[in-house]
PDB file of N, CA and C in Angstrom:
ATOM      1  N   MET A   1       1.040  -1.299  -0.106  1.00  0.00           N
ATOM      2  CA  MET A   1      -0.119   0.126  -0.089  1.00  0.00           C
ATOM      3  C   MET A   1       0.911   1.206   0.205  1.00  0.00           C
ATOM      4  N   GLY A   2       1.762   1.476   0.744  1.00  0.00           N
ATOM      5  CA  GLY A   2       3.024   2.306   0.657  1.00  0.00           C
ATOM      6  C   GLY A   2       3.715   3.014  -0.378  1.00  0.00           C
ATOM      7  N   LEU A   3       4.009   1.531  -1.067  1.00  0.00           N
ATOM      8  CA  LEU A   3       4.378   1.673  -2.702  1.00  0.00           C
ATOM      9  C   LEU A   3       3.324   2.264  -3.796  1.00  0.00           C
ATOM     10  N   ILE A   4       1.897   2.256  -3.289  1.00  0.00           N
ATOM     11  CA  ILE A   4       1.034   2.275  -4.274  1.00  0.00           C
ATOM     12  C   ILE A   4       1.243   4.346  -4.257  1.00  0.00           C
ATOM     13  N   LYS A   5       1.211   4.931  -2.591  1.00  0.00           N
ATOM     14  CA  LYS A   5       1.209   5.850  -2.502  1.00  0.00           C
ATOM     15  C   LYS A   5       2.389   6.574  -2.935  1.00  0.00           C
ATOM     16  N   ALA A   6       3.260   5.906  -2.688  1.00  0.00           N
ATOM     17  CA  ALA A   6       4.815   6.748  -2.969  1.00  0.00           C
ATOM     18  C   ALA A   6       5.223   6.818  -4.597  1.00  0.00           C
ATOM     19  N   VAL A   7       4.220   5.986  -5.396  1.00  0.00           N
ATOM     20  CA  VAL A   7       4.156   6.270  -7.163  1.00  0.00           C
ATOM     21  C   VAL A   7       2.983   7.334  -7.424  1.00  0.00           C
ATOM     22  N   THR A   8       2.303   7.085  -6.805  1.00  0.00           N
ATOM     23  CA  THR A   8       1.189   7.584  -7.114  1.00  0.00           C
ATOM     24  C   THR A   8       0.433   9.209  -7.112  1.00  0.00           C
ATOM     25  N   LEU A   9       1.057   9.743  -5.517  1.00  0.00           N
ATOM     26  CA  LEU A   9       1.414  11.397  -5.790  1.00  0.00           C
ATOM     27  C   LEU A   9       1.974  12.121  -6.490  1.00  0.00           C
ATOM     28  N   PRO A  10       3.665  11.491  -6.890  1.00  0.00           N
ATOM     29  CA  PRO A  10       4.383  11.828  -7.718  1.00  0.00           C
ATOM     30  C   PRO A  10       3.810  12.060  -9.142  1.00  0.00           C
ATOM     31  N   LEU A  11       3.434  11.162  -9.633  1.00  0.00           N
ATOM     32  CA  LEU A  11       2.680  11.259 -10.668  1.00  0.00           C
ATOM     33  C   LEU A  11       1.713  11.824 -11.160  1.00  0.00           C
ATOM     34  N   PHE A  12       0.676  12.147  -9.437  1.00  0.00           N
ATOM     35  CA  PHE A  12      -0.589  12.810  -9.725  1.00  0.00           C
ATOM     36  C   PHE A  12       0.484  14.727 -10.006  1.00  0.00           C
ATOM     37  N   VAL A  13       1.293  14.988  -9.055  1.00  0.00           N
ATOM     38  CA  VAL A  13       2.150  15.943  -9.306  1.00  0.00           C
ATOM     39  C   VAL A  13       2.003  16.745 -10.832  1.00  0.00           C
ATOM     40  N   THR A  14       3.042  15.449 -11.379  1.00  0.00           N
ATOM     41  CA  THR A  14       3.675  15.425 -12.241  1.00  0.00           C
ATOM     42  C   THR A  14       2.402  15.491 -13.967  1.00  0.00           C
ATOM     43  N   ILE A  15       1.402  15.248 -14.021  1.00  0.00           N
ATOM     44  CA  ILE A  15      -0.041  15.413 -14.276  1.00  0.00           C
ATOM     45  C   ILE A  15      -0.520  16.910 -14.403  1.00  0.00           C
ATOM     46  N   ILE A  16      -0.637  17.079 -12.877  1.00  0.00           N
ATOM     47  CA  ILE A  16      -1.406  18.625 -12.417  1.00  0.00           C
ATOM     48  C   ILE A  16      -0.097  19.364 -13.868  1.00  0.00           C
ATOM     49  N   THR A  17       1.051  19.752 -13.220  1.00  0.00           N
ATOM     50  CA  THR A  17       1.917  20.370 -13.550  1.00  0.00           C
ATOM     51  C   THR A  17       1.727  20.449 -15.077  1.00  0.00           C
ATOM     52  N   LEU A  18       1.868  19.482 -15.728  1.00  0.00           N
ATOM     53  CA  LEU A  18       1.880  19.671 -17.276  1.00  0.00           C
ATOM     54  C   LEU A  18       0.556  20.182 -17.646  1.00  0.00           C
ATOM     55  N   MET A  19      -0.260  19.798 -16.551  1.00  0.00           N
ATOM     56  CA  MET A  19      -1.712  20.545 -17.737  1.00  0.00           C
ATOM     57  C   MET A  19      -1.630  22.126 -17.124  1.00  0.00           C
ATOM     58  N   ILE A  20      -1.038  22.694 -15.929  1.00  0.00           N
ATOM     59  CA  ILE A  20      -1.066  24.186 -15.805  1.00  0.00           C
ATOM     60  C   ILE A  20       0.423  25.276 -16.437  1.00  0.00           C
ATOM     61  N   ILE A  21       1.649  24.337 -17.078  1.00  0.00           N
ATOM     62  CA  ILE A  21       2.319  25.134 -17.883  1.00  0.00           C
ATOM     63  C   ILE A  21       2.143  25.256 -18.558  1.00  0.00           C
ATOM     64  N   PRO A  22       1.217  24.941 -19.591  1.00  0.00           N
ATOM     65  CA  PRO A  22       0.907  25.099 -21.313  1.00  0.00           C
ATOM     66  C   PRO A  22      -0.108  26.161 -21.505  1.00  0.00           C
ATOM     67  N   TRP A  23      -0.878  26.114 -20.071  1.00  0.00           N
ATOM     68  CA  TRP A  23      -1.988  27.474 -20.094  1.00  0.00           C
ATOM     69  C   TRP A  23      -1.460  28.701 -19.198  1.00  0.00           C
ATOM     70  N   THR A  24      -0.397  28.577 -18.737  1.00  0.00           N
ATOM     71  CA  THR A  24       0.403  29.285 -18.637  1.00  0.00           C
ATOM     72  C   THR A  24       1.511  30.047 -19.222  1.00  0.00           C
ATOM     73  N   SER A  25       2.001  29.168 -19.499  1.00  0.00           N
ATOM     74  CA  SER A  25       2.872  29.471 -20.877  1.00  0.00           C
ATOM     75  C   SER A  25       1.740  30.627 -22.050  1.00  0.00           C
ATOM     76  N   PHE A  26       0.643  29.620 -22.283  1.00  0.00           N
ATOM     77  CA  PHE A  26       0.313  30.443 -22.983  1.00  0.00           C
ATOM     78  C   PHE A  26      -0.576  31.817 -22.894  1.00  0.00           C
ATOM     79  N   GLN A  27      -0.733  31.996 -21.422  1.00  0.00           N
ATOM     80  CA  GLN A  27      -1.247  33.481 -20.830  1.00  0.00           C
ATOM     81  C   GLN A  27      -0.276  34.083 -21.273  1.00  0.00           C
ATOM     82  N   LEU A  28       1.022  33.606 -20.708  1.00  0.00           N
ATOM     83  CA  LEU A  28       2.213  34.554 -20.942  1.00  0.00           C
ATOM     84  C   LEU A  28       2.583  35.496 -22.091  1.00  0.00           C
ATOM     85  N   SER A  29       2.103  33.784 -23.017  1.00  0.00           N
ATOM     86  CA  SER A  29       2.461  34.547 -24.269  1.00  0.00           C
ATOM     87  C   SER A  29       1.810  35.638 -25.158  1.00  0.00           C
ATOM     88  N   ASP A  30       0.647  34.566 -24.672  1.00  0.00           N
ATOM     89  CA  ASP A  30      -0.330  36.102 -25.355  1.00  0.00           C
ATOM     90  C   ASP A  30      -0.400  37.664 -25.033  1.00  0.00           C
ATOM     91  N   ALA A  31       0.028  37.946 -23.229  1.00  0.00           N
ATOM     92  CA  ALA A  31       0.043  38.988 -23.035  1.00  0.00           C
ATOM     93  C   ALA A  31       1.686  39.718 -23.570  1.00  0.00           C
ATOM     94  N   ALA A  32       2.720  39.004 -23.794  1.00  0.00           N
ATOM     95  CA  ALA A  32       4.106  39.755 -24.239  1.00  0.00           C
ATOM     96  C   ALA A  32       3.811  40.036 -25.733  1.00  0.00           C
ATOM     97  N   SER A  33       2.638  39.338 -26.468  1.00  0.00           N
ATOM     98  CA  SER A  33       2.354  39.372 -27.817  1.00  0.00           C
ATOM     99  C   SER A  33       1.443  40.972 -27.956  1.00  0.00           C
ATOM    100  N   ALA A  34       0.659  41.506 -27.139  1.00  0.00           N
ATOM    101  CA  ALA A  34       0.173  42.497 -27.344  1.00  0.00           C
ATOM    102  C   ALA A  34       0.674  43.963 -27.665  1.00  0.00           C
ATOM    103  N   LEU A  35       0.318  45.051 -28.666  1.00  0.00           N
ATOM    104  CA  LEU A  35       0.973  46.131 -28.872  1.00  0.00           C
ATOM    105  C   LEU A  35       0.232  47.255 -28.049  1.00  0.00           C
ATOM    106  N   VAL A  36       1.096  48.032 -27.876  1.00  0.00           N
ATOM    107  CA  VAL A  36       0.912  48.785 -26.769  1.00  0.00           C
ATOM    108  C   VAL A  36       0.529  50.209 -27.599  1.00  0.00           C
ATOM    109  N   VAL A  37      -0.180  50.801 -27.180  1.00  0.00           N
ATOM    110  CA  VAL A  37      -0.218  52.191 -27.746  1.00  0.00           C
ATOM    111  C   VAL A  37      -0.511  53.515 -26.333  1.00  0.00           C
ATOM    112  N   PRO A  38       0.115  54.114 -26.245  1.00  0.00           N
ATOM    113  CA  PRO A  38       1.409  55.194 -27.550  1.00  0.00           C
ATOM    114  C   PRO A  38       2.493  54.651 -26.688  1.00  0.00           C
ATOM    115  N   THR A  39       2.425  54.059 -26.104  1.00  0.00           N
ATOM    116  CA  THR A  39       4.102  52.943 -25.520  1.00  0.00           C
ATOM    117  C   THR A  39       4.942  52.955 -26.980  1.00  0.00           C
ATOM    118  N   GLN A  40       4.634  51.721 -27.937  1.00  0.00           N
ATOM    119  CA  GLN A  40       5.255  51.111 -28.622  1.00  0.00           C
ATOM    120  C   GLN A  40       5.207  51.689 -30.428  1.00  0.00           C
ATOM    121  N   PHE A  41       3.817  52.202 -30.205  1.00  0.00           N
ATOM    122  CA  PHE A  41       3.389  52.890 -31.123  1.00  0.00           C
ATOM    123  C   PHE A  41       2.617  54.102 -30.473  1.00  0.00           C
ATOM    124  N   LEU A  42       2.855  55.775 -31.208  1.00  0.00           N
ATOM    125  CA  LEU A  42       2.066  56.573 -31.146  1.00  0.00           C
ATOM    126  C   LEU A  42       0.890  56.495 -30.963  1.00  0.00           C
ATOM    127  N   ILE A  43       0.483  56.077 -32.499  1.00  0.00           N
ATOM    128  CA  ILE A  43      -1.223  55.703 -32.717  1.00  0.00           C
ATOM    129  C   ILE A  43      -1.969  54.760 -32.946  1.00  0.00           C
ATOM    130  N   ILE A  44      -3.307  54.967 -32.860  1.00  0.00           N
ATOM    131  CA  ILE A  44      -3.574  53.512 -32.625  1.00  0.00           C
ATOM    132  C   ILE A  44      -3.668  52.622 -34.076  1.00  0.00           C
ATOM    133  N   GLN A  45      -3.618  54.165 -35.312  1.00  0.00           N
ATOM    134  CA  GLN A  45      -3.885  53.201 -36.572  1.00  0.00           C
ATOM    135  C   GLN A  45      -2.229  52.245 -37.318  1.00  0.00           C
ATOM    136  N   ALA A  46      -1.218  53.053 -36.505  1.00  0.00           N
ATOM    137  CA  ALA A  46       0.145  52.316 -36.244  1.00  0.00           C
ATOM    138  C   ALA A  46       0.299  51.385 -35.901  1.00  0.00           C
ATOM    139  N   ALA A  47      -0.289  51.075 -34.558  1.00  0.00           N
ATOM    140  CA  ALA A  47      -0.617  49.842 -33.888  1.00  0.00           C
ATOM    141  C   ALA A  47      -1.395  48.678 -34.849  1.00  0.00           C
ATOM    142  N   ILE A  48      -2.428  49.102 -35.290  1.00  0.00           N
ATOM    143  CA  ILE A  48      -3.262  48.039 -36.480  1.00  0.00           C
ATOM    144  C   ILE A  48      -2.116  47.964 -37.631  1.00  0.00           C
ATOM    145  N   ASN A  49      -1.360  48.745 -38.300  1.00  0.00           N
ATOM    146  CA  ASN A  49      -0.928  48.367 -38.901  1.00  0.00           C
ATOM    147  C   ASN A  49       0.049  47.353 -38.832  1.00  0.00           C
ATOM    148  N   ALA A  50       0.978  47.781 -37.678  1.00  0.00           N
ATOM    149  CA  ALA A  50       1.968  46.535 -37.367  1.00  0.00           C
ATOM    150  C   ALA A  50       1.551  44.962 -36.992  1.00  0.00           C
ATOM    151  N   ALA A  51       0.274  45.096 -36.640  1.00  0.00           N
ATOM    152  CA  ALA A  51      -0.378  43.899 -36.005  1.00  0.00           C
ATOM    153  C   ALA A  51      -0.568  42.799 -37.072  1.00  0.00           C
ATOM    154  N   LYS A  52      -0.693  41.469 -36.455  1.00  0.00           N
ATOM    155  CA  LYS A  52      -1.447  40.674 -37.257  1.00  0.00           C
ATOM    156  C   LYS A  52      -2.457  40.104 -36.455  1.00  0.00           C
ATOM    157  N   SER A  53      -3.320  39.374 -37.784  1.00  0.00           N
ATOM    158  CA  SER A  53      -4.313  38.946 -37.181  1.00  0.00           C
ATOM    159  C   SER A  53      -4.314  38.269 -36.155  1.00  0.00           C
ATOM    160  N   GLY A  54      -5.030  38.754 -35.536  1.00  0.00           N
ATOM    161  CA  GLY A  54      -5.426  37.897 -34.223  1.00  0.00           C
ATOM    162  C   GLY A  54      -5.170  38.529 -32.981  1.00  0.00           C
ATOM    163  N   ASN A  55      -4.014  39.715 -33.285  1.00  0.00           N
ATOM    164  CA  ASN A  55      -3.238  40.194 -32.235  1.00  0.00           C
ATOM    165  C   ASN A  55      -4.154  40.939 -31.075  1.00  0.00           C
ATOM    166  N   THR A  56      -3.173  41.431 -30.024  1.00  0.00           N
ATOM    167  CA  THR A  56      -4.289  42.353 -29.417  1.00  0.00           C
ATOM    168  C   THR A  56      -3.263  43.530 -29.208  1.00  0.00           C
ATOM    169  N   ILE A  57      -3.770  45.013 -28.753  1.00  0.00           N
ATOM    170  CA  ILE A  57      -3.465  45.763 -29.335  1.00  0.00           C
ATOM    171  C   ILE A  57      -4.430  46.385 -27.670  1.00  0.00           C
ATOM    172  N   LYS A  58      -3.461  47.270 -27.225  1.00  0.00           N
ATOM    173  CA  LYS A  58      -3.495  47.426 -25.633  1.00  0.00           C
ATOM    174  C   LYS A  58      -3.555  49.215 -25.928  1.00  0.00           C
ATOM    175  N   VAL A  59      -4.794  49.607 -25.292  1.00  0.00           N
ATOM    176  CA  VAL A  59      -4.189  51.225 -25.641  1.00  0.00           C
ATOM    177  C   VAL A  59      -4.646  52.204 -24.471  1.00  0.00           C
ATOM    178  N   LEU A  60      -3.651  52.625 -24.147  1.00  0.00           N
ATOM    179  CA  LEU A  60      -3.759  53.222 -22.953  1.00  0.00           C
ATOM    180  C   LEU A  60      -4.289  54.077 -22.647  1.00  0.00           C
ATOM    181  N   PRO A  61      -4.305  55.034 -21.088  1.00  0.00           N
ATOM    182  CA  PRO A  61      -5.162  56.240 -21.049  1.00  0.00           C
ATOM    183  C   PRO A  61      -5.012  57.039 -21.962  1.00  0.00           C
ATOM    184  N   GLY A  62      -6.183  57.959 -22.097  1.00  0.00           N
ATOM    185  CA  GLY A  62      -5.595  59.060 -23.679  1.00  0.00           C
ATOM    186  C   GLY A  62      -6.847  59.490 -24.258  1.00  0.00           C
ATOM    187  N   VAL A  63      -6.707  60.687 -25.221  1.00  0.00           N
ATOM    188  CA  VAL A  63      -7.903  61.219 -26.321  1.00  0.00           C
ATOM    189  C   VAL A  63      -7.534  60.525 -27.169  1.00  0.00           C
ATOM    190  N   TYR A  64      -7.315  59.941 -28.272  1.00  0.00           N
ATOM    191  CA  TYR A  64      -6.989  59.588 -29.435  1.00  0.00           C
ATOM    192  C   TYR A  64      -8.047  59.999 -30.602  1.00  0.00           C
ATOM    193  N   THR A  65      -7.140  61.066 -31.036  1.00  0.00           N
ATOM    194  CA  THR A  65      -7.579  61.966 -32.226  1.00  0.00           C
ATOM    195  C   THR A  65      -7.637  61.194 -33.271  1.00  0.00           C
ATOM    196  N   GLU A  66      -8.175  60.205 -33.869  1.00  0.00           N
ATOM    197  CA  GLU A  66      -7.680  59.621 -35.228  1.00  0.00           C
ATOM    198  C   GLU A  66      -8.820  59.242 -35.914  1.00  0.00           C
ATOM    199  N   GLN A  67      -8.692  58.975 -37.345  1.00  0.00           N
ATOM    200  CA  GLN A  67      -9.650  57.965 -37.907  1.00  0.00           C
ATOM    201  C   GLN A  67      -8.847  56.940 -38.398  1.00  0.00           C
ATOM    202  N   ILE A  68      -9.251  55.369 -37.871  1.00  0.00           N
ATOM    203  CA  ILE A  68      -9.037  54.344 -38.510  1.00  0.00           C
ATOM    204  C   ILE A  68      -9.465  53.398 -39.379  1.00  0.00           C
ATOM    205  N   THR A  69      -8.648  52.413 -39.587  1.00  0.00           N
ATOM    206  CA  THR A  69      -8.966  51.613 -40.453  1.00  0.00           C
ATOM    207  C   THR A  69      -8.842  50.295 -40.253  1.00  0.00           C
ATOM    208  N   ILE A  70      -9.569  48.975 -40.381  1.00  0.00           N
ATOM    209  CA  ILE A  70      -9.033  48.001 -39.762  1.00  0.00           C
ATOM    210  C   ILE A  70      -9.500  46.870 -40.698  1.00  0.00           C
ATOM    211  N   THR A  71      -8.885  46.227 -41.106  1.00  0.00           N
ATOM    212  CA  THR A  71      -8.978  44.725 -42.353  1.00  0.00           C
ATOM    213  C   THR A  71      -8.427  43.713 -41.517  1.00  0.00           C
ATOM    214  N   LYS A  72      -7.798  43.331 -40.393  1.00  0.00           N
ATOM    215  CA  LYS A  72      -7.711  42.055 -39.949  1.00  0.00           C
ATOM    216  C   LYS A  72      -8.347  41.784 -38.671  1.00  0.00           C
ATOM    217  N   SER A  73      -8.720  41.057 -37.992  1.00  0.00           N
ATOM    218  CA  SER A  73      -8.772  40.722 -36.621  1.00  0.00           C
ATOM    219  C   SER A  73      -8.320  40.762 -35.545  1.00  0.00           C
ATOM    220  N   LEU A  74      -8.834  41.742 -35.008  1.00  0.00           N
ATOM    221  CA  LEU A  74      -8.224  42.090 -33.677  1.00  0.00           C
ATOM    222  C   LEU A  74      -9.090  42.437 -32.369  1.00  0.00           C
ATOM    223  N   VAL A  75      -7.764  42.903 -31.325  1.00  0.00           N
ATOM    224  CA  VAL A  75      -8.714  42.771 -30.273  1.00  0.00           C
ATOM    225  C   VAL A  75      -8.774  44.343 -29.288  1.00  0.00           C
ATOM    226  N   LEU A  76      -9.253  45.010 -29.495  1.00  0.00           N
ATOM    227  CA  LEU A  76      -8.500  46.331 -28.775  1.00  0.00           C
ATOM    228  C   LEU A  76      -8.801  46.633 -27.544  1.00  0.00           C
ATOM    229  N   VAL A  77      -8.238  46.732 -26.442  1.00  0.00           N
ATOM    230  CA  VAL A  77      -8.682  46.817 -25.185  1.00  0.00           C
ATOM    231  C   VAL A  77      -7.821  48.373 -25.061  1.00  0.00           C
ATOM    232  N   GLY A  78      -8.972  49.359 -24.555  1.00  0.00           N
ATOM    233  CA  GLY A  78      -8.299  50.331 -23.761  1.00  0.00           C
ATOM    234  C   GLY A  78      -8.258  50.316 -21.826  1.00  0.00           C
ATOM    235  N   SER A  79      -8.514  51.293 -21.411  1.00  0.00           N
ATOM    236  CA  SER A  79      -8.059  51.355 -19.866  1.00  0.00           C
ATOM    237  C   SER A  79      -9.483  51.448 -19.060  1.00  0.00           C
ATOM    238  N   GLY A  80     -10.429  51.636 -19.268  1.00  0.00           N
ATOM    239  CA  GLY A  80     -11.755  52.107 -19.138  1.00  0.00           C
ATOM    240  C   GLY A  80     -12.584  52.946 -20.363  1.00  0.00           C
ATOM    241  N   VAL A  81     -13.810  52.975 -20.344  1.00  0.00           N
ATOM    242  CA  VAL A  81     -14.422  53.691 -20.394  1.00  0.00           C
ATOM    243  C   VAL A  81     -14.051  55.372 -20.963  1.00  0.00           C
ATOM    244  N   LYS A  82     -13.601  55.794 -19.868  1.00  0.00           N
ATOM    245  CA  LYS A  82     -13.676  57.067 -19.460  1.00  0.00           C
ATOM    246  C   LYS A  82     -12.361  57.887 -19.113  1.00  0.00           C
ATOM    247  N   ASN A  83     -11.518  56.352 -19.207  1.00  0.00           N
ATOM    248  CA  ASN A  83      -9.854  56.603 -19.642  1.00  0.00           C
ATOM    249  C   ASN A  83      -9.113  56.494 -20.944  1.00  0.00           C
ATOM    250  N   THR A  84     -10.049  56.280 -21.476  1.00  0.00           N
ATOM    251  CA  THR A  84      -9.297  55.675 -23.163  1.00  0.00           C
ATOM    252  C   THR A  84     -10.536  56.253 -24.398  1.00  0.00           C
ATOM    253  N   VAL A  85     -10.277  57.370 -25.110  1.00  0.00           N
ATOM    254  CA  VAL A  85     -11.346  57.769 -25.789  1.00  0.00           C
ATOM    255  C   VAL A  85     -11.151  57.785 -26.949  1.00  0.00           C
ATOM    256  N   PHE A  86     -11.762  57.696 -27.847  1.00  0.00           N
ATOM    257  CA  PHE A  86     -11.580  57.533 -29.601  1.00  0.00           C
ATOM    258  C   PHE A  86     -11.867  58.930 -29.634  1.00  0.00           C
ATOM    259  N   LYS A  87     -11.908  60.144 -30.488  1.00  0.00           N
ATOM    260  CA  LYS A  87     -12.231  61.106 -30.821  1.00  0.00           C
ATOM    261  C   LYS A  87     -12.358  61.554 -32.612  1.00  0.00           C
ATOM    262  N   ALA A  88     -12.690  61.660 -32.959  1.00  0.00           N
ATOM    263  CA  ALA A  88     -13.243  62.130 -34.803  1.00  0.00           C
ATOM    264  C   ALA A  88     -12.484  63.199 -34.798  1.00  0.00           C
ATOM    265  N   PRO A  89     -11.343  63.279 -35.668  1.00  0.00           N
ATOM    266  CA  PRO A  89     -10.845  64.408 -36.642  1.00  0.00           C
ATOM    267  C   PRO A  89     -11.244  65.297 -36.929  1.00  0.00           C
ATOM    268  N   ALA A  90     -11.107  66.590 -37.039  1.00  0.00           N
ATOM    269  CA  ALA A  90     -12.245  67.676 -37.483  1.00  0.00           C
ATOM    270  C   ALA A  90     -12.794  67.432 -39.012  1.00  0.00           C
ATOM    271  N   VAL A  91     -11.940  67.008 -39.641  1.00  0.00           N
ATOM    272  CA  VAL A  91     -12.538  66.344 -40.891  1.00  0.00           C
ATOM    273  C   VAL A  91     -12.385  64.970 -40.902  1.00  0.00           C
ATOM    274  N   LEU A  92     -13.221  63.996 -41.504  1.00  0.00           N
ATOM    275  CA  LEU A  92     -13.553  62.540 -41.653  1.00  0.00           C
ATOM    276  C   LEU A  92     -12.835  62.614 -43.372  1.00  0.00           C
ATOM    277  N   GLN A  93     -11.801  61.925 -43.889  1.00  0.00           N
ATOM    278  CA  GLN A  93     -11.659  61.469 -44.672  1.00  0.00           C
ATOM    279  C   GLN A  93     -12.768  60.300 -45.139  1.00  0.00           C
ATOM    280  N   PRO A  94     -13.288  60.490 -46.427  1.00  0.00           N
ATOM    281  CA  PRO A  94     -14.205  59.650 -46.787  1.00  0.00           C
ATOM    282  C   PRO A  94     -13.356  58.038 -47.535  1.00  0.00           C
ATOM    283  N   SER A  95     -14.032  57.098 -47.106  1.00  0.00           N
ATOM    284  CA  SER A  95     -13.448  55.762 -47.013  1.00  0.00           C
ATOM    285  C   SER A  95     -12.803  55.252 -48.827  1.00  0.00           C
ATOM    286  N   GLN A  96     -11.895  54.959 -48.789  1.00  0.00           N
ATOM    287  CA  GLN A  96     -11.397  54.539 -50.359  1.00  0.00           C
ATOM    288  C   GLN A  96     -12.107  53.026 -50.597  1.00  0.00           C
ATOM    289  N   ILE A  97     -12.857  52.372 -49.373  1.00  0.00           N
ATOM    290  CA  ILE A  97     -13.129  51.272 -49.505  1.00  0.00           C
ATOM    291  C   ILE A  97     -14.772  50.940 -49.857  1.00  0.00           C
ATOM    292  N   LEU A  98     -15.200  51.569 -48.623  1.00  0.00           N
ATOM    293  CA  LEU A  98     -16.868  51.608 -47.977  1.00  0.00           C
ATOM    294  C   LEU A  98     -17.631  52.427 -48.994  1.00  0.00           C
ATOM    295  N   ASP A  99     -17.416  52.928 -50.361  1.00  0.00           N
ATOM    296  CA  ASP A  99     -18.139  54.022 -50.628  1.00  0.00           C
ATOM    297  C   ASP A  99     -18.165  55.252 -50.576  1.00  0.00           C
ATOM    298  N   GLY A 100     -17.442  55.321 -50.250  1.00  0.00           N
ATOM    299  CA  GLY A 100     -17.226  57.181 -50.011  1.00  0.00           C
ATOM    300  C   GLY A 100     -17.498  57.426 -48.372  1.00  0.00           C
ATOM    301  N   ARG A 101     -17.896  56.802 -48.025  1.00  0.00           N
ATOM    302  CA  ARG A 101     -18.583  57.021 -46.546  1.00  0.00           C
ATOM    303  C   ARG A 101     -17.089  57.484 -45.603  1.00  0.00           C
ATOM    304  N   ALA A 102     -17.863  58.408 -44.445  1.00  0.00           N
ATOM    305  CA  ALA A 102     -16.615  59.146 -43.659  1.00  0.00           C
ATOM    306  C   ALA A 102     -17.126  58.472 -42.797  1.00  0.00           C
ATOM    307  N   ASP A 103     -16.318  56.995 -41.929  1.00  0.00           N
ATOM    308  CA  ASP A 103     -16.715  57.061 -40.348  1.00  0.00           C
ATOM    309  C   ASP A 103     -15.559  57.084 -39.615  1.00  0.00           C
ATOM    310  N   ILE A 104     -15.608  56.908 -38.350  1.00  0.00           N
ATOM    311  CA  ILE A 104     -14.189  57.071 -37.837  1.00  0.00           C
ATOM    312  C   ILE A 104     -13.697  55.863 -37.663  1.00  0.00           C
ATOM    313  N   ILE A 105     -14.189  54.750 -37.445  1.00  0.00           N
ATOM    314  CA  ILE A 105     -13.672  52.873 -37.481  1.00  0.00           C
ATOM    315  C   ILE A 105     -14.482  52.533 -38.810  1.00  0.00           C
ATOM    316  N   GLU A 106     -13.336  52.360 -39.662  1.00  0.00           N
ATOM    317  CA  GLU A 106     -13.599  51.689 -40.693  1.00  0.00           C
ATOM    318  C   GLU A 106     -13.455  49.801 -40.993  1.00  0.00           C
ATOM    319  N   LEU A 107     -14.538  49.230 -40.700  1.00  0.00           N
ATOM    320  CA  LEU A 107     -14.043  47.533 -40.598  1.00  0.00           C
ATOM    321  C   LEU A 107     -14.528  47.067 -42.419  1.00  0.00           C
ATOM    322  N   SER A 108     -12.967  46.417 -42.844  1.00  0.00           N
ATOM    323  CA  SER A 108     -13.290  45.460 -44.014  1.00  0.00           C
ATOM    324  C   SER A 108     -12.814  44.748 -43.968  1.00  0.00           C
ATOM    325  N   ASN A 109     -12.719  44.117 -45.167  1.00  0.00           N
ATOM    326  CA  ASN A 109     -11.853  42.602 -45.225  1.00  0.00           C
ATOM    327  C   ASN A 109     -12.372  41.617 -44.543  1.00  0.00           C
ATOM    328  N   ASN A 110     -14.148  41.725 -43.744  1.00  0.00           N
ATOM    329  CA  ASN A 110     -14.713  40.614 -43.240  1.00  0.00           C
ATOM    330  C   ASN A 110     -13.613  40.758 -41.751  1.00  0.00           C
ATOM    331  N   ALA A 111     -12.790  42.007 -41.094  1.00  0.00           N
ATOM    332  CA  ALA A 111     -12.238  42.006 -39.778  1.00  0.00           C
ATOM    333  C   ALA A 111     -13.129  41.617 -38.948  1.00  0.00           C
ATOM    334  N   LYS A 112     -12.780  40.933 -37.867  1.00  0.00           N
ATOM    335  CA  LYS A 112     -13.796  40.922 -36.813  1.00  0.00           C
ATOM    336  C   LYS A 112     -12.963  41.517 -35.665  1.00  0.00           C
ATOM    337  N   VAL A 113     -13.545  42.354 -34.663  1.00  0.00           N
ATOM    338  CA  VAL A 113     -12.956  42.929 -33.677  1.00  0.00           C
ATOM    339  C   VAL A 113     -13.813  42.643 -32.838  1.00  0.00           C
ATOM    340  N   ILE A 114     -13.044  42.830 -31.442  1.00  0.00           N
ATOM    341  CA  ILE A 114     -13.517  42.654 -30.360  1.00  0.00           C
ATOM    342  C   ILE A 114     -13.223  44.079 -30.093  1.00  0.00           C
ATOM    343  N   MET A 115     -13.737  44.824 -29.452  1.00  0.00           N
ATOM    344  CA  MET A 115     -13.241  46.633 -28.255  1.00  0.00           C
ATOM    345  C   MET A 115     -13.658  46.082 -27.116  1.00  0.00           C
ATOM    346  N   LYS A 116     -12.978  46.772 -26.083  1.00  0.00           N
ATOM    347  CA  LYS A 116     -13.256  46.594 -24.702  1.00  0.00           C
ATOM    348  C   LYS A 116     -12.654  47.833 -23.941  1.00  0.00           C
ATOM    349  N   SER A 117     -13.393  48.058 -23.065  1.00  0.00           N
ATOM    350  CA  SER A 117     -12.572  48.925 -22.171  1.00  0.00           C
ATOM    351  C   SER A 117     -12.685  50.411 -22.631  1.00  0.00           C
ATOM    352  N   LEU A 118     -13.310  50.857 -24.265  1.00  0.00           N
ATOM    353  CA  LEU A 118     -13.253  52.151 -25.027  1.00  0.00           C
ATOM    354  C   LEU A 118     -14.205  53.195 -24.738  1.00  0.00           C
TER     355      LEU A 118
END
């Protein structure tokens, strides 16, 4: 009976460790792959242009006066609805993609975008 307990406990700990390490590594690598505005990129559009589909863009507190175009699936995460604000420029440029409409945020190319805390 003692031999079974002696083998079972280390085996159990090993299995739990193997289950936790990949999840933890994924969480750390996901956080490390976030692009940060304005630390790494001064404007949101620059971060969007540099991002790969599926990336997360973290937007630090501030008022961002810009018109943005998103053509890939992304996650945009702000620092709270009162802290991270999109503001339209004085003049919006007509879209070259969407029949000349002028929107502050333009999505195209079947981009799926999740926006949180903006």
